[in-house]
Amino acid sequence: LEEALVIAGDYNVIPEPIDARHPENWLGDAL
């Protein structure tokens, strides 16, 4: 549609290791 679009919310996704204080604690988590 080539419109201004914002998809905002709780994605329940930790995108990268930097996005967790202790990424090793989340290795078995769906996020």
PDB file of all heavy atoms in Angstrom:
ATOM      1  N   LEU A   1       0.819  -1.216   0.000  1.00  0.00           N
ATOM      2  CA  LEU A   1       0.000   0.000   0.000  1.00  0.00           C
ATOM      3  C   LEU A   1       0.854   1.268   0.000  1.00  0.00           C
ATOM      4  O   LEU A   1       0.333   2.360  -0.257  1.00  0.00           O
ATOM      5  CB  LEU A   1      -0.926   0.006   1.222  1.00  0.00           C
ATOM      6  CG  LEU A   1      -1.926  -1.148   1.317  1.00  0.00           C
ATOM      7  CD1 LEU A   1      -2.681  -1.089   2.648  1.00  0.00           C
ATOM      8  CD2 LEU A   1      -2.905  -1.113   0.159  1.00  0.00           C
ATOM      9  N   GLU A   2       2.131   1.119   0.353  1.00  0.00           N
ATOM     10  CA  GLU A   2       3.071   2.251   0.399  1.00  0.00           C
ATOM     11  C   GLU A   2       2.551   3.365   1.305  1.00  0.00           C
ATOM     12  O   GLU A   2       2.572   4.543   0.945  1.00  0.00           O
ATOM     13  CB  GLU A   2       3.373   2.763  -1.008  1.00  0.00           C
ATOM     14  CG  GLU A   2       4.047   1.729  -1.880  1.00  0.00           C
ATOM     15  CD  GLU A   2       4.484   2.260  -3.233  1.00  0.00           C
ATOM     16  OE1 GLU A   2       4.160   3.437  -3.556  1.00  0.00           O
ATOM     17  OE2 GLU A   2       5.150   1.515  -3.976  1.00  0.00           O
ATOM     18  N   GLU A   3       2.092   2.962   2.497  1.00  0.00           N
ATOM     19  CA  GLU A   3       1.619   3.899   3.525  1.00  0.00           C
ATOM     20  C   GLU A   3       2.573   3.884   4.706  1.00  0.00           C
ATOM     21  O   GLU A   3       3.346   2.938   4.884  1.00  0.00           O
ATOM     22  CB  GLU A   3       0.222   3.483   4.021  1.00  0.00           C
ATOM     23  CG  GLU A   3      -0.860   3.525   2.961  1.00  0.00           C
ATOM     24  CD  GLU A   3      -2.149   2.887   3.460  1.00  0.00           C
ATOM     25  OE1 GLU A   3      -2.120   2.119   4.435  1.00  0.00           O
ATOM     26  OE2 GLU A   3      -3.197   3.158   2.836  1.00  0.00           O
ATOM     27  N   ALA A   4       2.478   4.915   5.520  1.00  0.00           N
ATOM     28  CA  ALA A   4       3.175   4.897   6.812  1.00  0.00           C
ATOM     29  C   ALA A   4       2.517   3.824   7.681  1.00  0.00           C
ATOM     30  O   ALA A   4       1.327   3.894   7.973  1.00  0.00           O
ATOM     31  CB  ALA A   4       3.089   6.254   7.477  1.00  0.00           C
ATOM     32  N   LEU A   5       3.281   2.812   8.043  1.00  0.00           N
ATOM     33  CA  LEU A   5       2.789   1.671   8.808  1.00  0.00           C
ATOM     34  C   LEU A   5       3.685   1.458  10.015  1.00  0.00           C
ATOM     35  O   LEU A   5       4.917   1.422   9.881  1.00  0.00           O
ATOM     36  CB  LEU A   5       2.778   0.415   7.926  1.00  0.00           C
ATOM     37  CG  LEU A   5       2.579  -0.937   8.622  1.00  0.00           C
ATOM     38  CD1 LEU A   5       1.207  -1.022   9.271  1.00  0.00           C
ATOM     39  CD2 LEU A   5       2.783  -2.087   7.628  1.00  0.00           C
ATOM     40  N   VAL A   6       3.065   1.316  11.182  1.00  0.00           N
ATOM     41  CA  VAL A   6       3.787   1.010  12.413  1.00  0.00           C
ATOM     42  C   VAL A   6       3.186  -0.261  13.004  1.00  0.00           C
ATOM     43  O   VAL A   6       1.987  -0.317  13.280  1.00  0.00           O
ATOM     44  CB  VAL A   6       3.677   2.164  13.439  1.00  0.00           C
ATOM     45  CG1 VAL A   6       4.425   1.814  14.722  1.00  0.00           C
ATOM     46  CG2 VAL A   6       4.202   3.470  12.846  1.00  0.00           C
ATOM     47  N   ILE A   7       4.019  -1.285  13.169  1.00  0.00           N
ATOM     48  CA  ILE A   7       3.598  -2.519  13.837  1.00  0.00           C
ATOM     49  C   ILE A   7       4.222  -2.501  15.219  1.00  0.00           C
ATOM     50  O   ILE A   7       5.436  -2.692  15.364  1.00  0.00           O
ATOM     51  CB  ILE A   7       4.018  -3.772  13.054  1.00  0.00           C
ATOM     52  CG1 ILE A   7       3.585  -3.676  11.593  1.00  0.00           C
ATOM     53  CG2 ILE A   7       3.418  -5.015  13.705  1.00  0.00           C
ATOM     54  CD1 ILE A   7       4.081  -4.839  10.745  1.00  0.00           C
ATOM     55  N   ALA A   8       3.394  -2.250  16.217  1.00  0.00           N
ATOM     56  CA  ALA A   8       3.883  -1.987  17.571  1.00  0.00           C
ATOM     57  C   ALA A   8       3.328  -3.023  18.533  1.00  0.00           C
ATOM     58  O   ALA A   8       2.152  -3.382  18.456  1.00  0.00           O
ATOM     59  CB  ALA A   8       3.461  -0.584  18.018  1.00  0.00           C
ATOM     60  N   GLY A   9       4.172  -3.477  19.447  1.00  0.00           N
ATOM     61  CA  GLY A   9       3.617  -4.387  20.433  1.00  0.00           C
ATOM     62  C   GLY A   9       4.646  -5.187  21.190  1.00  0.00           C
ATOM     63  O   GLY A   9       5.852  -4.970  21.105  1.00  0.00           O
ATOM     64  N   ASP A  10       4.105  -6.135  21.954  1.00  0.00           N
ATOM     65  CA  ASP A  10       4.901  -7.120  22.675  1.00  0.00           C
ATOM     66  C   ASP A  10       5.109  -8.292  21.728  1.00  0.00           C
ATOM     67  O   ASP A  10       4.215  -9.096  21.523  1.00  0.00           O
ATOM     68  CB  ASP A  10       4.167  -7.545  23.955  1.00  0.00           C
ATOM     69  CG  ASP A  10       4.895  -8.644  24.707  1.00  0.00           C
ATOM     70  OD1 ASP A  10       5.969  -9.084  24.245  1.00  0.00           O
ATOM     71  OD2 ASP A  10       4.383  -9.073  25.756  1.00  0.00           O
ATOM     72  N   TYR A  11       6.297  -8.372  21.154  1.00  0.00           N
ATOM     73  CA  TYR A  11       6.612  -9.405  20.175  1.00  0.00           C
ATOM     74  C   TYR A  11       7.027 -10.724  20.826  1.00  0.00           C
ATOM     75  O   TYR A  11       7.105 -11.742  20.146  1.00  0.00           O
ATOM     76  CB  TYR A  11       7.730  -8.932  19.256  1.00  0.00           C
ATOM     77  CG  TYR A  11       7.310  -7.994  18.154  1.00  0.00           C
ATOM     78  CD1 TYR A  11       6.909  -6.688  18.416  1.00  0.00           C
ATOM     79  CD2 TYR A  11       7.327  -8.405  16.827  1.00  0.00           C
ATOM     80  CE1 TYR A  11       6.544  -5.822  17.400  1.00  0.00           C
ATOM     81  CE2 TYR A  11       6.973  -7.547  15.796  1.00  0.00           C
ATOM     82  CZ  TYR A  11       6.578  -6.255  16.092  1.00  0.00           C
ATOM     83  OH  TYR A  11       6.212  -5.397  15.074  1.00  0.00           O
ATOM     84  N   ASN A  12       7.330 -10.687  22.125  1.00  0.00           N
ATOM     85  CA  ASN A  12       7.856 -11.879  22.792  1.00  0.00           C
ATOM     86  C   ASN A  12       9.028 -12.466  22.017  1.00  0.00           C
ATOM     87  O   ASN A  12       9.148 -13.676  21.845  1.00  0.00           O
ATOM     88  CB  ASN A  12       6.748 -12.921  23.011  1.00  0.00           C
ATOM     89  CG  ASN A  12       6.021 -12.708  24.331  1.00  0.00           C
ATOM     90  OD1 ASN A  12       6.635 -12.484  25.368  1.00  0.00           O
ATOM     91  ND2 ASN A  12       4.691 -12.762  24.285  1.00  0.00           N
ATOM     92  N   VAL A  13       9.895 -11.586  21.546  1.00  0.00           N
ATOM     93  CA  VAL A  13      11.110 -11.962  20.821  1.00  0.00           C
ATOM     94  C   VAL A  13      12.278 -11.166  21.400  1.00  0.00           C
ATOM     95  O   VAL A  13      12.210  -9.930  21.468  1.00  0.00           O
ATOM     96  CB  VAL A  13      10.998 -11.665  19.314  1.00  0.00           C
ATOM     97  CG1 VAL A  13      12.329 -11.963  18.614  1.00  0.00           C
ATOM     98  CG2 VAL A  13       9.868 -12.455  18.674  1.00  0.00           C
ATOM     99  N   ILE A  14      13.328 -11.866  21.814  1.00  0.00           N
ATOM    100  CA  ILE A  14      14.607 -11.251  22.166  1.00  0.00           C
ATOM    101  C   ILE A  14      15.461 -11.331  20.905  1.00  0.00           C
ATOM    102  O   ILE A  14      15.971 -12.398  20.571  1.00  0.00           O
ATOM    103  CB  ILE A  14      15.288 -11.997  23.325  1.00  0.00           C
ATOM    104  CG1 ILE A  14      14.379 -12.051  24.556  1.00  0.00           C
ATOM    105  CG2 ILE A  14      16.626 -11.345  23.671  1.00  0.00           C
ATOM    106  CD1 ILE A  14      14.889 -12.973  25.663  1.00  0.00           C
ATOM    107  N   PRO A  15      15.614 -10.236  20.162  1.00  0.00           N
ATOM    108  CA  PRO A  15      16.230 -10.342  18.831  1.00  0.00           C
ATOM    109  C   PRO A  15      17.689 -10.796  18.853  1.00  0.00           C
ATOM    110  O   PRO A  15      18.102 -11.598  18.015  1.00  0.00           O
ATOM    111  CB  PRO A  15      16.096  -8.918  18.270  1.00  0.00           C
ATOM    112  CG  PRO A  15      14.963  -8.308  19.021  1.00  0.00           C
ATOM    113  CD  PRO A  15      15.066  -8.895  20.403  1.00  0.00           C
ATOM    114  N   GLU A  16      18.472 -10.267  19.788  1.00  0.00           N
ATOM    115  CA  GLU A  16      19.910 -10.536  19.804  1.00  0.00           C
ATOM    116  C   GLU A  16      20.381 -10.731  21.252  1.00  0.00           C
ATOM    117  O   GLU A  16      19.712 -10.283  22.185  1.00  0.00           O
ATOM    118  CB  GLU A  16      20.684  -9.369  19.175  1.00  0.00           C
ATOM    119  CG  GLU A  16      20.308  -9.050  17.736  1.00  0.00           C
ATOM    120  CD  GLU A  16      20.701 -10.150  16.762  1.00  0.00           C
ATOM    121  OE1 GLU A  16      21.569 -10.976  17.117  1.00  0.00           O
ATOM    122  OE2 GLU A  16      20.145 -10.181  15.641  1.00  0.00           O
ATOM    123  N   PRO A  17      21.549 -11.362  21.459  1.00  0.00           N
ATOM    124  CA  PRO A  17      22.060 -11.527  22.823  1.00  0.00           C
ATOM    125  C   PRO A  17      22.165 -10.216  23.599  1.00  0.00           C
ATOM    126  O   PRO A  17      21.935 -10.192  24.818  1.00  0.00           O
ATOM    127  CB  PRO A  17      23.439 -12.164  22.606  1.00  0.00           C
ATOM    128  CG  PRO A  17      23.288 -12.931  21.324  1.00  0.00           C
ATOM    129  CD  PRO A  17      22.380 -12.088  20.469  1.00  0.00           C
ATOM    130  N   ILE A  18      22.468  -9.129  22.912  1.00  0.00           N
ATOM    131  CA  ILE A  18      22.583  -7.830  23.589  1.00  0.00           C
ATOM    132  C   ILE A  18      21.261  -7.377  24.203  1.00  0.00           C
ATOM    133  O   ILE A  18      21.231  -6.536  25.101  1.00  0.00           O
ATOM    134  CB  ILE A  18      23.117  -6.756  22.606  1.00  0.00           C
ATOM    135  CG1 ILE A  18      23.595  -5.516  23.357  1.00  0.00           C
ATOM    136  CG2 ILE A  18      22.063  -6.403  21.567  1.00  0.00           C
ATOM    137  CD1 ILE A  18      24.226  -4.466  22.463  1.00  0.00           C
ATOM    138  N   ASP A  19      20.152  -7.983  23.749  1.00  0.00           N
ATOM    139  CA  ASP A  19      18.829  -7.581  24.216  1.00  0.00           C
ATOM    140  C   ASP A  19      18.396  -8.309  25.485  1.00  0.00           C
ATOM    141  O   ASP A  19      17.228  -8.217  25.887  1.00  0.00           O
ATOM    142  CB  ASP A  19      17.804  -7.796  23.108  1.00  0.00           C
ATOM    143  CG  ASP A  19      18.076  -6.905  21.905  1.00  0.00           C
ATOM    144  OD1 ASP A  19      18.281  -5.695  22.096  1.00  0.00           O
ATOM    145  OD2 ASP A  19      18.109  -7.427  20.774  1.00  0.00           O
ATOM    146  N   ALA A  20      19.317  -9.002  26.133  1.00  0.00           N
ATOM    147  CA  ALA A  20      19.064  -9.644  27.428  1.00  0.00           C
ATOM    148  C   ALA A  20      20.254  -9.390  28.335  1.00  0.00           C
ATOM    149  O   ALA A  20      21.402  -9.433  27.888  1.00  0.00           O
ATOM    150  CB  ALA A  20      18.835 -11.140  27.270  1.00  0.00           C
ATOM    151  N   ARG A  21      19.988  -9.145  29.608  1.00  0.00           N
ATOM    152  CA  ARG A  21      21.087  -8.925  30.554  1.00  0.00           C
ATOM    153  C   ARG A  21      21.908 -10.202  30.706  1.00  0.00           C
ATOM    154  O   ARG A  21      23.133 -10.160  30.805  1.00  0.00           O
ATOM    155  CB  ARG A  21      20.507  -8.484  31.904  1.00  0.00           C
ATOM    156  CG  ARG A  21      21.563  -8.159  32.968  1.00  0.00           C
ATOM    157  CD  ARG A  21      22.317  -6.899  32.620  1.00  0.00           C
ATOM    158  NE  ARG A  21      23.380  -6.586  33.551  1.00  0.00           N
ATOM    159  CZ  ARG A  21      23.200  -5.901  34.682  1.00  0.00           C
ATOM    160  NH1 ARG A  21      21.989  -5.469  35.022  1.00  0.00           N
ATOM    161  NH2 ARG A  21      24.214  -5.648  35.468  1.00  0.00           N
ATOM    162  N   HIS A  22      21.214 -11.338  30.737  1.00  0.00           N
ATOM    163  CA  HIS A  22      21.887 -12.631  30.850  1.00  0.00           C
ATOM    164  C   HIS A  22      21.359 -13.558  29.754  1.00  0.00           C
ATOM    165  O   HIS A  22      20.501 -14.408  30.011  1.00  0.00           O
ATOM    166  CB  HIS A  22      21.647 -13.242  32.231  1.00  0.00           C
ATOM    167  CG  HIS A  22      22.193 -12.435  33.359  1.00  0.00           C
ATOM    168  ND1 HIS A  22      23.555 -12.268  33.564  1.00  0.00           N
ATOM    169  CD2 HIS A  22      21.580 -11.735  34.355  1.00  0.00           C
ATOM    170  CE1 HIS A  22      23.756 -11.506  34.626  1.00  0.00           C
ATOM    171  NE2 HIS A  22      22.577 -11.171  35.115  1.00  0.00           N
ATOM    172  N   PRO A  23      21.837 -13.402  28.528  1.00  0.00           N
ATOM    173  CA  PRO A  23      21.283 -14.196  27.423  1.00  0.00           C
ATOM    174  C   PRO A  23      21.405 -15.697  27.640  1.00  0.00           C
ATOM    175  O   PRO A  23      20.555 -16.456  27.154  1.00  0.00           O
ATOM    176  CB  PRO A  23      22.088 -13.726  26.211  1.00  0.00           C
ATOM    177  CG  PRO A  23      23.298 -13.041  26.760  1.00  0.00           C
ATOM    178  CD  PRO A  23      22.896 -12.483  28.066  1.00  0.00           C
ATOM    179  N   GLU A  24      22.389 -16.122  28.382  1.00  0.00           N
ATOM    180  CA  GLU A  24      22.551 -17.555  28.618  1.00  0.00           C
ATOM    181  C   GLU A  24      21.375 -18.150  29.383  1.00  0.00           C
ATOM    182  O   GLU A  24      21.094 -19.357  29.270  1.00  0.00           O
ATOM    183  CB  GLU A  24      23.856 -17.823  29.388  1.00  0.00           C
ATOM    184  CG  GLU A  24      23.894 -17.288  30.808  1.00  0.00           C
ATOM    185  CD  GLU A  24      24.287 -15.812  30.930  1.00  0.00           C
ATOM    186  OE1 GLU A  24      24.364 -15.123  29.883  1.00  0.00           O
ATOM    187  OE2 GLU A  24      24.502 -15.347  32.068  1.00  0.00           O
ATOM    188  N   ASN A  25      20.648 -17.317  30.133  1.00  0.00           N
ATOM    189  CA  ASN A  25      19.497 -17.804  30.889  1.00  0.00           C
ATOM    190  C   ASN A  25      18.266 -18.034  30.011  1.00  0.00           C
ATOM    191  O   ASN A  25      17.267 -18.590  30.473  1.00  0.00           O
ATOM    192  CB  ASN A  25      19.136 -16.825  32.001  1.00  0.00           C
ATOM    193  CG  ASN A  25      20.200 -16.729  33.077  1.00  0.00           C
ATOM    194  OD1 ASN A  25      21.071 -17.599  33.173  1.00  0.00           O
ATOM    195  ND2 ASN A  25      20.150 -15.682  33.883  1.00  0.00           N
ATOM    196  N   TRP A  26      18.332 -17.611  28.754  1.00  0.00           N
ATOM    197  CA  TRP A  26      17.167 -17.676  27.868  1.00  0.00           C
ATOM    198  C   TRP A  26      17.327 -18.691  26.740  1.00  0.00           C
ATOM    199  O   TRP A  26      16.485 -18.764  25.848  1.00  0.00           O
ATOM    200  CB  TRP A  26      16.901 -16.283  27.287  1.00  0.00           C
ATOM    201  CG  TRP A  26      16.540 -15.294  28.349  1.00  0.00           C
ATOM    202  CD1 TRP A  26      17.395 -14.513  29.075  1.00  0.00           C
ATOM    203  CD2 TRP A  26      15.235 -15.011  28.844  1.00  0.00           C
ATOM    204  NE1 TRP A  26      16.702 -13.756  29.983  1.00  0.00           N
ATOM    205  CE2 TRP A  26      15.359 -14.041  29.869  1.00  0.00           C
ATOM    206  CE3 TRP A  26      13.960 -15.478  28.515  1.00  0.00           C
ATOM    207  CZ2 TRP A  26      14.277 -13.530  30.561  1.00  0.00           C
ATOM    208  CZ3 TRP A  26      12.871 -14.969  29.202  1.00  0.00           C
ATOM    209  CH2 TRP A  26      13.033 -14.007  30.208  1.00  0.00           C
ATOM    210  N   LEU A  27      18.371 -19.486  26.794  1.00  0.00           N
ATOM    211  CA  LEU A  27      18.665 -20.401  25.693  1.00  0.00           C
ATOM    212  C   LEU A  27      17.570 -21.430  25.483  1.00  0.00           C
ATOM    213  O   LEU A  27      17.355 -21.880  24.360  1.00  0.00           O
ATOM    214  CB  LEU A  27      20.011 -21.095  25.941  1.00  0.00           C
ATOM    215  CG  LEU A  27      21.238 -20.176  25.904  1.00  0.00           C
ATOM    216  CD1 LEU A  27      22.501 -20.965  26.244  1.00  0.00           C
ATOM    217  CD2 LEU A  27      21.375 -19.507  24.542  1.00  0.00           C
ATOM    218  N   GLY A  28      16.871 -21.832  26.537  1.00  0.00           N
ATOM    219  CA  GLY A  28      15.799 -22.807  26.412  1.00  0.00           C
ATOM    220  C   GLY A  28      14.422 -22.200  26.320  1.00  0.00           C
ATOM    221  O   GLY A  28      13.417 -22.915  26.397  1.00  0.00           O
ATOM    222  N   ASP A  29      14.357 -20.889  26.156  1.00  0.00           N
ATOM    223  CA  ASP A  29      13.081 -20.172  26.161  1.00  0.00           C
ATOM    224  C   ASP A  29      12.630 -19.877  24.735  1.00  0.00           C
ATOM    225  O   ASP A  29      13.442 -19.581  23.858  1.00  0.00           O
ATOM    226  CB  ASP A  29      13.236 -18.865  26.950  1.00  0.00           C
ATOM    227  CG  ASP A  29      11.911 -18.237  27.328  1.00  0.00           C
ATOM    228  OD1 ASP A  29      11.286 -17.610  26.454  1.00  0.00           O
ATOM    229  OD2 ASP A  29      11.492 -18.375  28.486  1.00  0.00           O
ATOM    230  N   ALA A  30      11.304 -19.901  24.515  1.00  0.00           N
ATOM    231  CA  ALA A  30      10.755 -19.656  23.186  1.00  0.00           C
ATOM    232  C   ALA A  30      11.080 -18.260  22.669  1.00  0.00           C
ATOM    233  O   ALA A  30      11.148 -18.043  21.452  1.00  0.00           O
ATOM    234  CB  ALA A  30       9.240 -19.861  23.203  1.00  0.00           C
ATOM    235  N   LEU A  31      11.288 -17.298  23.558  1.00  0.00           N
ATOM    236  CA  LEU A  31      11.562 -15.924  23.146  1.00  0.00           C
ATOM    237  C   LEU A  31      12.913 -15.777  22.458  1.00  0.00           C
ATOM    238  O   LEU A  31      13.134 -14.802  21.726  1.00  0.00           O
ATOM    239  CB  LEU A  31      11.510 -14.982  24.350  1.00  0.00           C
ATOM    240  CG  LEU A  31      10.142 -14.527  24.851  1.00  0.00           C
ATOM    241  CD1 LEU A  31       9.302 -15.683  25.346  1.00  0.00           C
ATOM    242  CD2 LEU A  31      10.293 -13.484  25.950  1.00  0.00           C
TER     243      LEU A  31
END
